[in-house]
Amino acid sequence: MRFTRQLLSALLGALTLVALLLTAGPASAHDAAESSSPADGATVATAPAKVSITFNNTPLGLGSQVKVTDAAGTDWADGKVEIVDNVATQNLREGAPAGKYAVVWRVVSSDSHPIEGTFSFTAAAAVAGATAAPVPTVGTPQPGATQATGTAPDSSEPFPWSIVVFAAVALGLLITLGVLARRRLGVSDEPDGDGN
C-alpha cells in the first residue's frame, strides 16, 4: 500500500512538472527580427552602403554573420557585423552592381540561441560614388508607391514541442520504473516453494 502511494505521488509530481513546462512555453520564445533595411523585396536606386536588421531584443555580439550576395554569388559584405542596441548592421564594399541581392543573416539571440533569416532587395543602378542613396525600410513606402495596409505578420515562435516530448518521455520512464519496482516487490513478497 505504501509503495502505491509513493508511485501515485511520483506520477502526480511528474504531471505537475509537465503542466509547469507547458505553461512556461511562451516565456522561452527566442528573439525575432522585426524589420530590415532595405525592406524585404524593396527596390532601391543603388546598392546601399550597409544593410541592417532590427530585432525585438538586443542580440549577442558573438558569432554574428551577414552575407550580402549579388546574382553572380559575390559576397559584398565588408568587415564584421556591428550590433548597437537591437540593430545588427553590415557594411558593404563600394562598387556594387545593379541587380538583385540576397541577404542571409545569423545572430545569437539574447537567450543565447542562434537565430537566422533571409531577405532580398534590388538595386536599380550601380553605385556611381561613395555616397549611397537613402534606403527605404519596413514601414516607409518607396517614392511614388502607396503603402499597403494590413496586419503585421506574427513574429512569435512556434510551440515548443521538444519540451512536450521531453516531458512525455520522462513520464513514461517514471511509469516504467514504477511498474518494474512493483513487480520486483511483488516477487519478493511471495513465499518460496519450501513453505518458508
Protein backbone atom coordinates (compact mmCIF):
# COMPACT_ATOMS: atom_id res chain seq x y z
CA MET A 1 0.00 0.00 0.00
CA ARG A 2 2.85 2.34 0.87
CA PHE A 3 4.50 1.68 -2.48
CA THR A 4 1.25 2.54 -4.30
CA ARG A 5 1.11 5.90 -2.51
CA GLN A 6 4.72 6.60 -3.46
CA LEU A 7 4.03 5.72 -7.08
CA LEU A 8 0.96 7.96 -7.14
CA SER A 9 2.98 10.79 -5.58
CA ALA A 10 5.68 10.38 -8.23
CA LEU A 11 3.10 10.41 -11.02
CA LEU A 12 1.41 13.48 -9.56
CA GLY A 13 4.78 15.22 -9.36
CA ALA A 14 5.55 14.31 -12.98
CA LEU A 15 2.16 15.62 -14.14
CA THR A 16 2.76 18.86 -12.22
CA LEU A 17 6.15 19.21 -13.94
CA VAL A 18 4.54 18.68 -17.35
CA ALA A 19 1.89 21.31 -16.58
CA LEU A 20 4.57 23.80 -15.49
CA LEU A 21 6.61 23.18 -18.64
CA LEU A 22 3.56 23.63 -20.87
CA THR A 23 2.56 26.91 -19.25
CA ALA A 24 6.16 28.21 -19.43
CA GLY A 25 6.29 27.76 -23.24
CA PRO A 26 5.72 31.39 -24.30
CA ALA A 27 8.45 32.66 -21.96
CA SER A 28 11.05 30.55 -23.77
CA ALA A 29 10.50 32.15 -27.18
CA HIS A 30 13.66 33.32 -28.93
CA ASP A 31 14.27 36.82 -30.21
CA ALA A 32 12.88 37.66 -33.64
CA ALA A 33 13.72 40.08 -36.44
CA GLU A 34 11.21 42.94 -36.62
CA SER A 35 12.40 44.76 -39.74
CA SER A 36 15.26 45.18 -42.18
CA SER A 37 16.87 47.96 -44.16
CA PRO A 38 16.40 47.75 -47.10
CA ALA A 39 12.98 46.24 -46.60
CA ASP A 40 12.46 42.72 -47.88
CA GLY A 41 11.62 42.90 -51.59
CA ALA A 42 12.37 46.65 -51.87
CA THR A 43 13.89 48.26 -54.94
CA VAL A 44 16.47 50.92 -54.16
CA ALA A 45 18.13 53.42 -56.53
CA THR A 46 21.63 51.99 -55.90
CA ALA A 47 23.11 49.34 -53.63
CA PRO A 48 23.22 50.76 -50.10
CA ALA A 49 26.41 51.35 -48.11
CA LYS A 50 25.08 48.99 -45.43
CA VAL A 51 22.22 46.66 -44.56
CA SER A 52 20.67 46.25 -41.12
CA ILE A 53 18.28 44.03 -39.24
CA THR A 54 16.28 45.29 -36.24
CA PHE A 55 15.35 42.73 -33.55
CA ASN A 56 12.83 42.78 -30.72
CA ASN A 57 15.72 42.34 -28.21
CA THR A 58 19.45 43.04 -28.30
CA PRO A 59 21.30 40.06 -29.82
CA LEU A 60 24.67 38.92 -28.50
CA GLY A 61 27.76 40.01 -30.46
CA LEU A 62 29.44 36.64 -30.80
CA GLY A 63 29.13 34.57 -33.96
CA SER A 64 27.11 37.15 -35.91
CA GLN A 65 27.23 36.84 -39.70
CA VAL A 66 25.58 38.73 -42.52
CA LYS A 67 26.22 37.80 -46.17
CA VAL A 68 25.03 40.06 -48.96
CA THR A 69 25.38 38.32 -52.31
CA ASP A 70 24.54 39.57 -55.79
CA ALA A 71 23.05 37.49 -58.62
CA ALA A 72 26.54 36.20 -59.53
CA GLY A 73 27.09 34.92 -55.99
CA THR A 74 29.67 37.57 -54.98
CA ASP A 75 29.55 38.48 -51.29
CA TRP A 76 29.61 42.29 -50.85
CA ALA A 77 29.82 42.26 -47.03
CA ASP A 78 32.75 44.33 -45.73
CA GLY A 79 34.10 43.80 -42.21
CA LYS A 80 32.37 42.46 -39.12
CA VAL A 81 28.73 42.80 -38.14
CA GLU A 82 28.15 45.73 -35.77
CA ILE A 83 25.48 45.35 -33.10
CA VAL A 84 24.24 48.53 -31.43
CA ASP A 85 21.25 48.11 -29.13
CA ASN A 86 18.82 45.87 -31.04
CA VAL A 87 20.18 46.59 -34.57
CA ALA A 88 22.74 44.43 -36.40
CA THR A 89 24.46 46.33 -39.24
CA GLN A 90 26.72 45.04 -42.01
CA ASN A 91 28.74 47.47 -44.17
CA LEU A 92 29.05 46.74 -47.89
CA ARG A 93 32.04 47.20 -50.19
CA GLU A 94 31.93 50.04 -52.71
CA GLY A 95 31.21 49.42 -56.39
CA ALA A 96 28.25 47.04 -56.01
CA PRO A 97 26.48 46.41 -59.34
CA ALA A 98 22.82 46.81 -60.18
CA GLY A 99 20.62 43.78 -59.67
CA LYS A 100 19.06 41.58 -57.05
CA TYR A 101 20.79 40.94 -53.71
CA ALA A 102 20.14 38.18 -51.19
CA VAL A 103 20.90 38.85 -47.52
CA VAL A 104 21.45 35.85 -45.25
CA TRP A 105 21.92 36.69 -41.56
CA ARG A 106 22.66 34.72 -38.40
CA VAL A 107 22.99 36.11 -34.85
CA VAL A 108 22.87 34.75 -31.33
CA SER A 109 19.70 35.91 -29.58
CA SER A 110 19.69 37.41 -26.11
CA ASP A 111 18.77 33.98 -24.67
CA SER A 112 21.96 32.54 -26.30
CA HIS A 113 20.20 30.56 -29.04
CA PRO A 114 21.24 31.14 -32.67
CA ILE A 115 18.58 32.60 -34.94
CA GLU A 116 18.79 33.24 -38.67
CA GLY A 117 16.84 34.57 -41.60
CA THR A 118 16.95 35.99 -45.11
CA PHE A 119 15.65 38.92 -47.08
CA SER A 120 16.31 40.36 -50.53
CA PHE A 121 16.34 43.70 -52.31
CA THR A 122 17.07 45.00 -55.80
CA ALA A 123 19.43 47.84 -56.75
CA ALA A 124 18.14 49.66 -59.85
CA ALA A 125 21.57 51.03 -60.79
CA ALA A 126 25.23 50.53 -59.91
CA VAL A 127 26.79 52.79 -57.29
CA ALA A 128 28.31 55.86 -59.00
CA GLY A 129 30.13 57.26 -55.96
CA ALA A 130 30.82 56.52 -52.32
CA THR A 131 27.56 58.12 -51.12
CA ALA A 132 24.65 55.73 -51.10
CA ALA A 133 21.07 56.80 -51.68
CA PRO A 134 18.56 56.74 -48.81
CA VAL A 135 17.25 53.26 -48.23
CA PRO A 136 13.56 52.57 -47.63
CA THR A 137 12.86 50.48 -44.54
CA VAL A 138 9.88 48.45 -43.48
CA GLY A 139 7.01 50.85 -42.90
CA THR A 140 8.46 53.52 -45.23
CA PRO A 141 6.87 53.47 -48.70
CA GLN A 142 9.05 53.95 -51.74
CA PRO A 143 8.59 57.25 -53.61
CA GLY A 144 5.53 57.06 -55.82
CA ALA A 145 4.23 53.90 -54.16
CA THR A 146 1.35 53.57 -51.78
CA GLN A 147 1.82 51.58 -48.64
CA ALA A 148 -0.42 48.56 -48.27
CA THR A 149 -2.36 48.40 -45.05
CA GLY A 150 -2.86 45.15 -43.24
CA THR A 151 -1.84 43.23 -40.22
CA ALA A 152 1.79 42.64 -39.43
CA PRO A 153 2.99 39.05 -39.71
CA ASP A 154 3.10 37.08 -36.49
CA SER A 155 6.70 37.02 -35.22
CA SER A 156 6.08 34.62 -32.36
CA GLU A 157 7.98 31.38 -32.19
CA PRO A 158 6.22 28.06 -32.82
CA PHE A 159 5.02 25.98 -29.88
CA PRO A 160 7.99 24.28 -28.13
CA TRP A 161 7.09 20.68 -28.91
CA SER A 162 10.51 19.49 -27.76
CA ILE A 163 9.51 20.30 -24.16
CA VAL A 164 6.31 18.27 -24.52
CA VAL A 165 8.24 15.31 -25.95
CA PHE A 166 10.80 15.53 -23.13
CA ALA A 167 8.03 15.61 -20.51
CA ALA A 168 6.25 12.64 -22.13
CA VAL A 169 9.46 10.60 -22.19
CA ALA A 170 10.17 11.49 -18.55
CA LEU A 171 6.62 10.48 -17.55
CA GLY A 172 6.92 7.21 -19.47
CA LEU A 173 10.21 6.49 -17.74
CA LEU A 174 8.67 7.14 -14.32
CA ILE A 175 5.75 4.81 -15.05
CA THR A 176 8.07 2.08 -16.33
CA LEU A 177 10.27 2.34 -13.25
CA GLY A 178 7.20 2.19 -11.01
CA VAL A 179 5.84 -0.93 -12.74
CA LEU A 180 9.23 -2.66 -12.57
CA ALA A 181 9.63 -1.78 -8.89
CA ARG A 182 6.14 -3.08 -8.13
CA ARG A 183 6.87 -6.36 -9.91
CA ARG A 184 10.12 -6.73 -8.02
CA LEU A 185 8.40 -6.09 -4.69
CA GLY A 186 5.62 -8.48 -5.64
CA VAL A 187 8.13 -11.27 -6.37
CA SER A 188 10.00 -10.76 -3.09
CA ASP A 189 6.73 -10.79 -1.06
CA GLU A 190 5.65 -14.22 -2.37
CA PRO A 191 6.56 -17.24 -0.21
CA ASP A 192 9.16 -19.53 -1.72
CA GLY A 193 8.42 -23.12 -2.72
CA ASP A 194 9.56 -24.69 0.64
CA GLY A 195 6.67 -23.05 2.52
CA ASN A 196 9.02 -20.58 4.31
